[in-house]
């Protein structure tokens, strides 16, 4: 039953990303309070840039999505960990993670 719930939540997030992402939104909705996107993101595809922006804008949602890429041994406990490595106390991104590009 938990697996069905996880798959359902993942489906909702994928639909949300597909429906809400575009190049213009990625540029206008990125919160400037966060650390700048690293070169490995800026030199990637538009979808990867949009996904990193989405992760910074909706960290609580992405934190509910389990990660299945095997990065649990690296201390990752959710899909959010594949995008953001460190927040400050105000949920500002201090350090990005490159796991989702690897």
PDB file of N, CA and C in Angstrom:
ATOM      1  N   UNK A   1       0.820  -1.193   0.000  1.00  0.00           N
ATOM      2  CA  UNK A   1       0.000   0.000   0.000  1.00  0.00           C
ATOM      3  C   UNK A   1       0.868   1.262   0.000  1.00  0.00           C
ATOM      4  N   UNK A   2       1.979   1.218   0.761  1.00  0.00           N
ATOM      5  CA  UNK A   2       2.862   2.371   0.784  1.00  0.00           C
ATOM      6  C   UNK A   2       3.443   2.639  -0.603  1.00  0.00           C
ATOM      7  N   UNK A   3       3.739   1.565  -1.324  1.00  0.00           N
ATOM      8  CA  UNK A   3       4.318   1.712  -2.654  1.00  0.00           C
ATOM      9  C   UNK A   3       3.329   2.403  -3.594  1.00  0.00           C
ATOM     10  N   UNK A   4       2.060   2.050  -3.499  1.00  0.00           N
ATOM     11  CA  UNK A   4       1.041   2.680  -4.332  1.00  0.00           C
ATOM     12  C   UNK A   4       0.941   4.167  -4.007  1.00  0.00           C
ATOM     13  N   UNK A   5       0.969   4.494  -2.715  1.00  0.00           N
ATOM     14  CA  UNK A   5       0.931   5.896  -2.306  1.00  0.00           C
ATOM     15  C   UNK A   5       2.133   6.667  -2.810  1.00  0.00           C
ATOM     16  N   UNK A   6       3.308   6.050  -2.745  1.00  0.00           N
ATOM     17  CA  UNK A   6       4.527   6.700  -3.236  1.00  0.00           C
ATOM     18  C   UNK A   6       4.466   6.914  -4.740  1.00  0.00           C
ATOM     19  N   UNK A   7       4.006   5.908  -5.451  1.00  0.00           N
ATOM     20  CA  UNK A   7       3.885   6.033  -6.905  1.00  0.00           C
ATOM     21  C   UNK A   7       2.855   7.096  -7.279  1.00  0.00           C
ATOM     22  N   UNK A   8       1.767   7.158  -6.531  1.00  0.00           N
ATOM     23  CA  UNK A   8       0.750   8.175  -6.775  1.00  0.00           C
ATOM     24  C   UNK A   8       1.327   9.570  -6.566  1.00  0.00           C
ATOM     25  N   UNK A   9       2.045   9.764  -5.462  1.00  0.00           N
ATOM     26  CA  UNK A   9       2.660  11.057  -5.182  1.00  0.00           C
ATOM     27  C   UNK A   9       3.681  11.417  -6.251  1.00  0.00           C
ATOM     28  N   UNK A  10       4.482  10.453  -6.679  1.00  0.00           N
ATOM     29  CA  UNK A  10       5.467  10.708  -7.715  1.00  0.00           C
ATOM     30  C   UNK A  10       4.768  11.110  -9.021  1.00  0.00           C
ATOM     31  N   UNK A  11       3.671  10.440  -9.345  1.00  0.00           N
ATOM     32  CA  UNK A  11       2.912  10.778 -10.547  1.00  0.00           C
ATOM     33  C   UNK A  11       2.371  12.197 -10.501  1.00  0.00           C
ATOM     34  N   UNK A  12       1.893  12.606  -9.335  1.00  0.00           N
ATOM     35  CA  UNK A  12       1.385  13.971  -9.183  1.00  0.00           C
ATOM     36  C   UNK A  12       2.502  14.978  -9.393  1.00  0.00           C
ATOM     37  N   UNK A  13       3.662  14.710  -8.819  1.00  0.00           N
ATOM     38  CA  UNK A  13       4.784  15.645  -8.965  1.00  0.00           C
ATOM     39  C   UNK A  13       5.255  15.704 -10.408  1.00  0.00           C
ATOM     40  N   UNK A  14       5.334  14.571 -11.079  1.00  0.00           N
ATOM     41  CA  UNK A  14       5.740  14.572 -12.489  1.00  0.00           C
ATOM     42  C   UNK A  14       4.736  15.354 -13.325  1.00  0.00           C
ATOM     43  N   UNK A  15       3.444  15.155 -13.062  1.00  0.00           N
ATOM     44  CA  UNK A  15       2.426  15.914 -13.790  1.00  0.00           C
ATOM     45  C   UNK A  15       2.550  17.399 -13.504  1.00  0.00           C
ATOM     46  N   UNK A  16       2.833  17.745 -12.251  1.00  0.00           N
ATOM     47  CA  UNK A  16       3.006  19.143 -11.865  1.00  0.00           C
ATOM     48  C   UNK A  16       4.187  19.768 -12.603  1.00  0.00           C
ATOM     49  N   UNK A  17       5.282  19.047 -12.669  1.00  0.00           N
ATOM     50  CA  UNK A  17       6.471  19.552 -13.365  1.00  0.00           C
ATOM     51  C   UNK A  17       6.181  19.724 -14.850  1.00  0.00           C
ATOM     52  N   UNK A  18       5.560  18.714 -15.454  1.00  0.00           N
ATOM     53  CA  UNK A  18       5.273  18.770 -16.883  1.00  0.00           C
ATOM     54  C   UNK A  18       4.306  19.906 -17.222  1.00  0.00           C
ATOM     55  N   UNK A  19       3.331  20.146 -16.364  1.00  0.00           N
ATOM     56  CA  UNK A  19       2.333  21.177 -16.635  1.00  0.00           C
ATOM     57  C   UNK A  19       2.842  22.582 -16.339  1.00  0.00           C
ATOM     58  N   UNK A  20       3.738  22.712 -15.382  1.00  0.00           N
ATOM     59  CA  UNK A  20       4.114  24.045 -14.937  1.00  0.00           C
ATOM     60  C   UNK A  20       5.453  24.560 -15.392  1.00  0.00           C
ATOM     61  N   UNK A  21       6.224  23.755 -16.078  1.00  0.00           N
ATOM     62  CA  UNK A  21       7.578  24.193 -16.429  1.00  0.00           C
ATOM     63  C   UNK A  21       7.647  24.738 -17.843  1.00  0.00           C
ATOM     64  N   UNK A  22       8.345  25.836 -17.956  1.00  0.00           N
ATOM     65  CA  UNK A  22       8.725  26.382 -19.249  1.00  0.00           C
ATOM     66  C   UNK A  22       9.936  27.252 -19.009  1.00  0.00           C
ATOM     67  N   UNK A  23      10.649  27.624 -20.056  1.00  0.00           N
ATOM     68  CA  UNK A  23      11.866  28.426 -19.902  1.00  0.00           C
ATOM     69  C   UNK A  23      11.574  29.740 -19.202  1.00  0.00           C
ATOM     70  N   UNK A  24      10.477  30.384 -19.543  1.00  0.00           N
ATOM     71  CA  UNK A  24      10.154  31.660 -18.926  1.00  0.00           C
ATOM     72  C   UNK A  24       9.876  31.511 -17.445  1.00  0.00           C
ATOM     73  N   UNK A  25       9.174  30.467 -17.065  1.00  0.00           N
ATOM     74  CA  UNK A  25       8.881  30.263 -15.652  1.00  0.00           C
ATOM     75  C   UNK A  25      10.145  29.990 -14.866  1.00  0.00           C
ATOM     76  N   UNK A  26      11.063  29.239 -15.439  1.00  0.00           N
ATOM     77  CA  UNK A  26      12.294  28.937 -14.712  1.00  0.00           C
ATOM     78  C   UNK A  26      13.064  30.211 -14.414  1.00  0.00           C
ATOM     79  N   UNK A  27      13.047  31.147 -15.346  1.00  0.00           N
ATOM     80  CA  UNK A  27      13.776  32.395 -15.138  1.00  0.00           C
ATOM     81  C   UNK A  27      13.057  33.331 -14.182  1.00  0.00           C
ATOM     82  N   UNK A  28      11.744  33.365 -14.214  1.00  0.00           N
ATOM     83  CA  UNK A  28      11.011  34.331 -13.412  1.00  0.00           C
ATOM     84  C   UNK A  28      10.687  33.821 -12.017  1.00  0.00           C
ATOM     85  N   UNK A  29      10.640  32.525 -11.801  1.00  0.00           N
ATOM     86  CA  UNK A  29      10.238  31.994 -10.508  1.00  0.00           C
ATOM     87  C   UNK A  29      11.415  31.586  -9.629  1.00  0.00           C
ATOM     88  N   UNK A  30      12.642  31.703 -10.117  1.00  0.00           N
ATOM     89  CA  UNK A  30      13.791  31.341  -9.293  1.00  0.00           C
ATOM     90  C   UNK A  30      13.993  32.398  -8.226  1.00  0.00           C
ATOM     91  N   UNK A  31      14.027  31.952  -7.001  1.00  0.00           N
ATOM     92  CA  UNK A  31      14.184  32.850  -5.874  1.00  0.00           C
ATOM     93  C   UNK A  31      15.643  33.255  -5.743  1.00  0.00           C
ATOM     94  N   UNK A  32      15.924  34.518  -5.896  1.00  0.00           N
ATOM     95  CA  UNK A  32      17.299  35.029  -5.884  1.00  0.00           C
ATOM     96  C   UNK A  32      17.975  34.896  -4.523  1.00  0.00           C
ATOM     97  N   UNK A  33      17.216  34.569  -3.475  1.00  0.00           N
ATOM     98  CA  UNK A  33      17.821  34.417  -2.157  1.00  0.00           C
ATOM     99  C   UNK A  33      18.709  33.177  -2.097  1.00  0.00           C
ATOM    100  N   UNK A  34      18.470  32.227  -2.989  1.00  0.00           N
ATOM    101  CA  UNK A  34      19.234  30.983  -3.003  1.00  0.00           C
ATOM    102  C   UNK A  34      20.607  31.185  -3.633  1.00  0.00           C
ATOM    103  N   UNK A  35      21.496  30.255  -3.341  1.00  0.00           N
ATOM    104  CA  UNK A  35      22.805  30.270  -3.982  1.00  0.00           C
ATOM    105  C   UNK A  35      22.603  30.175  -5.496  1.00  0.00           C
ATOM    106  N   UNK A  36      23.468  30.802  -6.272  1.00  0.00           N
ATOM    107  CA  UNK A  36      23.330  30.714  -7.738  1.00  0.00           C
ATOM    108  C   UNK A  36      23.410  29.256  -8.202  1.00  0.00           C
ATOM    109  N   UNK A  37      22.699  28.960  -9.276  1.00  0.00           N
ATOM    110  CA  UNK A  37      22.778  27.619  -9.845  1.00  0.00           C
ATOM    111  C   UNK A  37      24.210  27.362 -10.312  1.00  0.00           C
ATOM    112  N   UNK A  38      24.741  26.189 -10.051  1.00  0.00           N
ATOM    113  CA  UNK A  38      26.113  25.881 -10.448  1.00  0.00           C
ATOM    114  C   UNK A  38      26.239  25.682 -11.959  1.00  0.00           C
ATOM    115  N   UNK A  39      27.465  25.725 -12.441  1.00  0.00           N
ATOM    116  CA  UNK A  39      27.727  25.584 -13.878  1.00  0.00           C
ATOM    117  C   UNK A  39      27.202  24.270 -14.439  1.00  0.00           C
ATOM    118  N   UNK A  40      27.294  23.181 -13.668  1.00  0.00           N
ATOM    119  CA  UNK A  40      26.815  21.902 -14.189  1.00  0.00           C
ATOM    120  C   UNK A  40      25.310  21.922 -14.437  1.00  0.00           C
ATOM    121  N   UNK A  41      24.588  22.822 -13.783  1.00  0.00           N
ATOM    122  CA  UNK A  41      23.156  22.985 -14.064  1.00  0.00           C
ATOM    123  C   UNK A  41      22.972  23.964 -15.219  1.00  0.00           C
ATOM    124  N   UNK A  42      23.656  25.088 -15.160  1.00  0.00           N
ATOM    125  CA  UNK A  42      23.512  26.109 -16.199  1.00  0.00           C
ATOM    126  C   UNK A  42      23.927  25.595 -17.578  1.00  0.00           C
ATOM    127  N   UNK A  43      24.845  24.659 -17.623  1.00  0.00           N
ATOM    128  CA  UNK A  43      25.308  24.086 -18.894  1.00  0.00           C
ATOM    129  C   UNK A  43      24.516  22.863 -19.306  1.00  0.00           C
ATOM    130  N   UNK A  44      23.416  22.583 -18.614  1.00  0.00           N
ATOM    131  CA  UNK A  44      22.575  21.420 -18.900  1.00  0.00           C
ATOM    132  C   UNK A  44      21.372  21.826 -19.750  1.00  0.00           C
ATOM    133  N   UNK A  45      20.477  20.876 -19.905  1.00  0.00           N
ATOM    134  CA  UNK A  45      19.270  21.131 -20.693  1.00  0.00           C
ATOM    135  C   UNK A  45      18.310  22.048 -19.931  1.00  0.00           C
ATOM    136  N   UNK A  46      17.375  22.581 -20.649  1.00  0.00           N
ATOM    137  CA  UNK A  46      16.369  23.457 -20.050  1.00  0.00           C
ATOM    138  C   UNK A  46      15.567  22.715 -18.989  1.00  0.00           C
ATOM    139  N   UNK A  47      15.217  21.478 -19.246  1.00  0.00           N
ATOM    140  CA  UNK A  47      14.433  20.693 -18.276  1.00  0.00           C
ATOM    141  C   UNK A  47      15.198  20.500 -16.968  1.00  0.00           C
ATOM    142  N   UNK A  48      16.490  20.275 -17.042  1.00  0.00           N
ATOM    143  CA  UNK A  48      17.281  20.121 -15.817  1.00  0.00           C
ATOM    144  C   UNK A  48      17.308  21.428 -15.044  1.00  0.00           C
ATOM    145  N   UNK A  49      17.502  22.543 -15.736  1.00  0.00           N
ATOM    146  CA  UNK A  49      17.473  23.851 -15.059  1.00  0.00           C
ATOM    147  C   UNK A  49      16.129  24.067 -14.380  1.00  0.00           C
ATOM    148  N   UNK A  50      15.053  23.769 -15.098  1.00  0.00           N
ATOM    149  CA  UNK A  50      13.710  23.952 -14.545  1.00  0.00           C
ATOM    150  C   UNK A  50      13.481  23.063 -13.324  1.00  0.00           C
ATOM    151  N   UNK A  51      14.013  21.864 -13.360  1.00  0.00           N
ATOM    152  CA  UNK A  51      13.826  20.949 -12.249  1.00  0.00           C
ATOM    153  C   UNK A  51      14.569  21.428 -11.011  1.00  0.00           C
ATOM    154  N   UNK A  52      15.777  21.966 -11.184  1.00  0.00           N
ATOM    155  CA  UNK A  52      16.504  22.521 -10.043  1.00  0.00           C
ATOM    156  C   UNK A  52      15.761  23.722  -9.463  1.00  0.00           C
ATOM    157  N   UNK A  53      15.217  24.565 -10.316  1.00  0.00           N
ATOM    158  CA  UNK A  53      14.432  25.708  -9.842  1.00  0.00           C
ATOM    159  C   UNK A  53      13.201  25.214  -9.098  1.00  0.00           C
ATOM    160  N   UNK A  54      12.529  24.194  -9.649  1.00  0.00           N
ATOM    161  CA  UNK A  54      11.357  23.629  -8.989  1.00  0.00           C
ATOM    162  C   UNK A  54      11.734  23.072  -7.612  1.00  0.00           C
ATOM    163  N   UNK A  55      12.869  22.407  -7.528  1.00  0.00           N
ATOM    164  CA  UNK A  55      13.310  21.853  -6.239  1.00  0.00           C
ATOM    165  C   UNK A  55      13.525  22.950  -5.214  1.00  0.00           C
ATOM    166  N   UNK A  56      14.048  24.091  -5.644  1.00  0.00           N
ATOM    167  CA  UNK A  56      14.279  25.190  -4.702  1.00  0.00           C
ATOM    168  C   UNK A  56      12.981  25.889  -4.316  1.00  0.00           C
ATOM    169  N   UNK A  57      11.997  25.877  -5.203  1.00  0.00           N
ATOM    170  CA  UNK A  57      10.724  26.528  -4.921  1.00  0.00           C
ATOM    171  C   UNK A  57       9.765  25.656  -4.118  1.00  0.00           C
ATOM    172  N   UNK A  58       9.882  24.336  -4.232  1.00  0.00           N
ATOM    173  CA  UNK A  58       8.955  23.407  -3.574  1.00  0.00           C
ATOM    174  C   UNK A  58       9.709  22.300  -2.822  1.00  0.00           C
ATOM    175  N   UNK A  59      10.620  22.664  -1.932  1.00  0.00           N
ATOM    176  CA  UNK A  59      11.414  21.632  -1.258  1.00  0.00           C
ATOM    177  C   UNK A  59      10.579  20.688  -0.388  1.00  0.00           C
ATOM    178  N   UNK A  60       9.518  21.174   0.227  1.00  0.00           N
ATOM    179  CA  UNK A  60       8.714  20.310   1.096  1.00  0.00           C
ATOM    180  C   UNK A  60       7.988  19.235   0.296  1.00  0.00           C
ATOM    181  N   UNK A  61       7.602  19.558  -0.923  1.00  0.00           N
ATOM    182  CA  UNK A  61       6.931  18.575  -1.776  1.00  0.00           C
ATOM    183  C   UNK A  61       7.935  17.524  -2.231  1.00  0.00           C
ATOM    184  N   UNK A  62       9.082  17.968  -2.733  1.00  0.00           N
ATOM    185  CA  UNK A  62      10.080  17.035  -3.241  1.00  0.00           C
ATOM    186  C   UNK A  62      10.662  16.167  -2.125  1.00  0.00           C
ATOM    187  N   UNK A  63      10.680  16.672  -0.906  1.00  0.00           N
ATOM    188  CA  UNK A  63      11.184  15.899   0.231  1.00  0.00           C
ATOM    189  C   UNK A  63      10.290  14.698   0.537  1.00  0.00           C
ATOM    190  N   UNK A  64       9.069  14.695   0.039  1.00  0.00           N
ATOM    191  CA  UNK A  64       8.149  13.581   0.269  1.00  0.00           C
ATOM    192  C   UNK A  64       8.282  12.486  -0.780  1.00  0.00           C
ATOM    193  N   UNK A  65       9.071  12.740  -1.822  1.00  0.00           N
ATOM    194  CA  UNK A  65       9.239  11.768  -2.896  1.00  0.00           C
ATOM    195  C   UNK A  65      10.467  10.910  -2.598  1.00  0.00           C
ATOM    196  N   UNK A  66      10.287   9.612  -2.441  1.00  0.00           N
ATOM    197  CA  UNK A  66      11.444   8.763  -2.174  1.00  0.00           C
ATOM    198  C   UNK A  66      12.375   8.706  -3.384  1.00  0.00           C
ATOM    199  N   UNK A  67      13.633   8.486  -3.115  1.00  0.00           N
ATOM    200  CA  UNK A  67      14.629   8.381  -4.179  1.00  0.00           C
ATOM    201  C   UNK A  67      14.934   6.907  -4.404  1.00  0.00           C
ATOM    202  N   UNK A  68      14.943   6.500  -5.653  1.00  0.00           N
ATOM    203  CA  UNK A  68      15.175   5.105  -5.997  1.00  0.00           C
ATOM    204  C   UNK A  68      16.468   4.902  -6.793  1.00  0.00           C
ATOM    205  N   UNK A  69      17.347   5.904  -6.799  1.00  0.00           N
ATOM    206  CA  UNK A  69      18.558   5.790  -7.618  1.00  0.00           C
ATOM    207  C   UNK A  69      19.710   5.116  -6.883  1.00  0.00           C
ATOM    208  N   UNK A  70      19.511   4.737  -5.646  1.00  0.00           N
ATOM    209  CA  UNK A  70      20.551   4.049  -4.898  1.00  0.00           C
ATOM    210  C   UNK A  70      21.496   4.983  -4.161  1.00  0.00           C
ATOM    211  N   UNK A  71      21.124   6.248  -4.035  1.00  0.00           N
ATOM    212  CA  UNK A  71      22.002   7.218  -3.383  1.00  0.00           C
ATOM    213  C   UNK A  71      21.808   7.264  -1.868  1.00  0.00           C
ATOM    214  N   UNK A  72      21.014   6.351  -1.319  1.00  0.00           N
ATOM    215  CA  UNK A  72      20.802   6.301   0.121  1.00  0.00           C
ATOM    216  C   UNK A  72      22.088   6.086   0.893  1.00  0.00           C
ATOM    217  N   UNK A  73      23.041   5.413   0.261  1.00  0.00           N
ATOM    218  CA  UNK A  73      24.337   5.208   0.912  1.00  0.00           C
ATOM    219  C   UNK A  73      25.120   6.507   1.034  1.00  0.00           C
ATOM    220  N   UNK A  74      24.732   7.517   0.255  1.00  0.00           N
ATOM    221  CA  UNK A  74      25.365   8.836   0.329  1.00  0.00           C
ATOM    222  C   UNK A  74      24.659   9.748   1.320  1.00  0.00           C
ATOM    223  N   UNK A  75      23.689   9.216   2.044  1.00  0.00           N
ATOM    224  CA  UNK A  75      22.969  10.000   3.033  1.00  0.00           C
ATOM    225  C   UNK A  75      21.705  10.661   2.505  1.00  0.00           C
ATOM    226  N   UNK A  76      21.335  10.366   1.281  1.00  0.00           N
ATOM    227  CA  UNK A  76      20.122  10.955   0.713  1.00  0.00           C
ATOM    228  C   UNK A  76      18.900  10.227   1.249  1.00  0.00           C
ATOM    229  N   UNK A  77      17.915  11.004   1.704  1.00  0.00           N
ATOM    230  CA  UNK A  77      16.723  10.387   2.265  1.00  0.00           C
ATOM    231  C   UNK A  77      15.473  10.663   1.437  1.00  0.00           C
ATOM    232  N   UNK A  78      15.589  11.486   0.409  1.00  0.00           N
ATOM    233  CA  UNK A  78      14.457  11.760  -0.474  1.00  0.00           C
ATOM    234  C   UNK A  78      15.000  12.285  -1.802  1.00  0.00           C
ATOM    235  N   UNK A  79      14.110  12.513  -2.742  1.00  0.00           N
ATOM    236  CA  UNK A  79      14.505  13.045  -4.037  1.00  0.00           C
ATOM    237  C   UNK A  79      15.081  14.454  -3.907  1.00  0.00           C
ATOM    238  N   UNK A  80      14.655  15.185  -2.913  1.00  0.00           N
ATOM    239  CA  UNK A  80      15.180  16.535  -2.684  1.00  0.00           C
ATOM    240  C   UNK A  80      16.690  16.510  -2.497  1.00  0.00           C
ATOM    241  N   UNK A  81      17.199  15.481  -1.840  1.00  0.00           N
ATOM    242  CA  UNK A  81      18.634  15.371  -1.586  1.00  0.00           C
ATOM    243  C   UNK A  81      19.443  15.263  -2.873  1.00  0.00           C
ATOM    244  N   UNK A  82      18.838  14.845  -3.959  1.00  0.00           N
ATOM    245  CA  UNK A  82      19.534  14.738  -5.241  1.00  0.00           C
ATOM    246  C   UNK A  82      19.719  16.100  -5.915  1.00  0.00           C
ATOM    247  N   UNK A  83      19.021  17.107  -5.432  1.00  0.00           N
ATOM    248  CA  UNK A  83      19.099  18.448  -6.006  1.00  0.00           C
ATOM    249  C   UNK A  83      19.738  19.454  -5.057  1.00  0.00           C
ATOM    250  N   UNK A  84      19.403  19.369  -3.796  1.00  0.00           N
ATOM    251  CA  UNK A  84      19.870  20.362  -2.826  1.00  0.00           C
ATOM    252  C   UNK A  84      20.608  19.645  -1.703  1.00  0.00           C
ATOM    253  N   UNK A  85      21.841  20.096  -1.464  1.00  0.00           N
ATOM    254  CA  UNK A  85      22.670  19.465  -0.449  1.00  0.00           C
ATOM    255  C   UNK A  85      22.515  20.119   0.914  1.00  0.00           C
ATOM    256  N   UNK A  86      22.319  21.453   0.925  1.00  0.00           N
ATOM    257  CA  UNK A  86      22.295  22.135   2.212  1.00  0.00           C
ATOM    258  C   UNK A  86      21.409  23.376   2.167  1.00  0.00           C
ATOM    259  N   UNK A  87      20.557  23.509   3.205  1.00  0.00           N
ATOM    260  CA  UNK A  87      19.730  24.693   3.421  1.00  0.00           C
ATOM    261  C   UNK A  87      20.241  25.427   4.646  1.00  0.00           C
ATOM    262  N   UNK A  88      19.959  26.731   4.723  1.00  0.00           N
ATOM    263  CA  UNK A  88      20.194  27.428   5.984  1.00  0.00           C
ATOM    264  C   UNK A  88      18.911  27.351   6.814  1.00  0.00           C
ATOM    265  N   UNK A  89      18.877  28.021   7.935  1.00  0.00           N
ATOM    266  CA  UNK A  89      17.722  27.932   8.825  1.00  0.00           C
ATOM    267  C   UNK A  89      16.457  28.553   8.233  1.00  0.00           C
ATOM    268  N   UNK A  90      16.588  29.376   7.201  1.00  0.00           N
ATOM    269  CA  UNK A  90      15.433  30.000   6.547  1.00  0.00           C
ATOM    270  C   UNK A  90      15.046  29.300   5.244  1.00  0.00           C
ATOM    271  N   UNK A  91      15.512  28.059   5.078  1.00  0.00           N
ATOM    272  CA  UNK A  91      15.237  27.264   3.872  1.00  0.00           C
ATOM    273  C   UNK A  91      15.826  27.898   2.607  1.00  0.00           C
ATOM    274  N   UNK A  92      16.877  28.642   2.754  1.00  0.00           N
ATOM    275  CA  UNK A  92      17.626  29.185   1.617  1.00  0.00           C
ATOM    276  C   UNK A  92      18.632  28.127   1.179  1.00  0.00           C
ATOM    277  N   UNK A  93      18.707  27.876  -0.125  1.00  0.00           N
ATOM    278  CA  UNK A  93      19.667  26.903  -0.635  1.00  0.00           C
ATOM    279  C   UNK A  93      21.071  27.480  -0.488  1.00  0.00           C
ATOM    280  N   UNK A  94      21.882  26.777   0.268  1.00  0.00           N
ATOM    281  CA  UNK A  94      23.281  27.184   0.419  1.00  0.00           C
ATOM    282  C   UNK A  94      24.199  26.396  -0.504  1.00  0.00           C
ATOM    283  N   UNK A  95      23.826  25.125  -0.754  1.00  0.00           N
ATOM    284  CA  UNK A  95      24.666  24.269  -1.592  1.00  0.00           C
ATOM    285  C   UNK A  95      23.786  23.328  -2.393  1.00  0.00           C
ATOM    286  N   UNK A  96      24.046  23.270  -3.686  1.00  0.00           N
ATOM    287  CA  UNK A  96      23.314  22.385  -4.591  1.00  0.00           C
ATOM    288  C   UNK A  96      23.993  21.020  -4.638  1.00  0.00           C
ATOM    289  N   UNK A  97      23.290  20.017  -5.104  1.00  0.00           N
ATOM    290  CA  UNK A  97      23.842  18.668  -5.246  1.00  0.00           C
ATOM    291  C   UNK A  97      23.784  18.249  -6.710  1.00  0.00           C
ATOM    292  N   UNK A  98      24.797  17.575  -7.160  1.00  0.00           N
ATOM    293  CA  UNK A  98      24.874  17.176  -8.585  1.00  0.00           C
ATOM    294  C   UNK A  98      24.354  15.761  -8.848  1.00  0.00           C
ATOM    295  N   UNK A  99      23.829  15.101  -7.841  1.00  0.00           N
ATOM    296  CA  UNK A  99      23.388  13.704  -7.996  1.00  0.00           C
ATOM    297  C   UNK A  99      22.372  13.538  -9.131  1.00  0.00           C
ATOM    298  N   UNK A 100      21.484  14.475  -9.296  1.00  0.00           N
ATOM    299  CA  UNK A 100      20.441  14.313 -10.311  1.00  0.00           C
ATOM    300  C   UNK A 100      20.975  14.449 -11.730  1.00  0.00           C
ATOM    301  N   UNK A 101      22.172  14.966 -11.883  1.00  0.00           N
ATOM    302  CA  UNK A 101      22.772  15.086 -13.217  1.00  0.00           C
ATOM    303  C   UNK A 101      23.641  13.881 -13.527  1.00  0.00           C
ATOM    304  N   UNK A 102      24.159  13.226 -12.508  1.00  0.00           N
ATOM    305  CA  UNK A 102      25.066  12.083 -12.697  1.00  0.00           C
ATOM    306  C   UNK A 102      24.404  10.947 -13.406  1.00  0.00           C
TER     307      UNK A 102
END
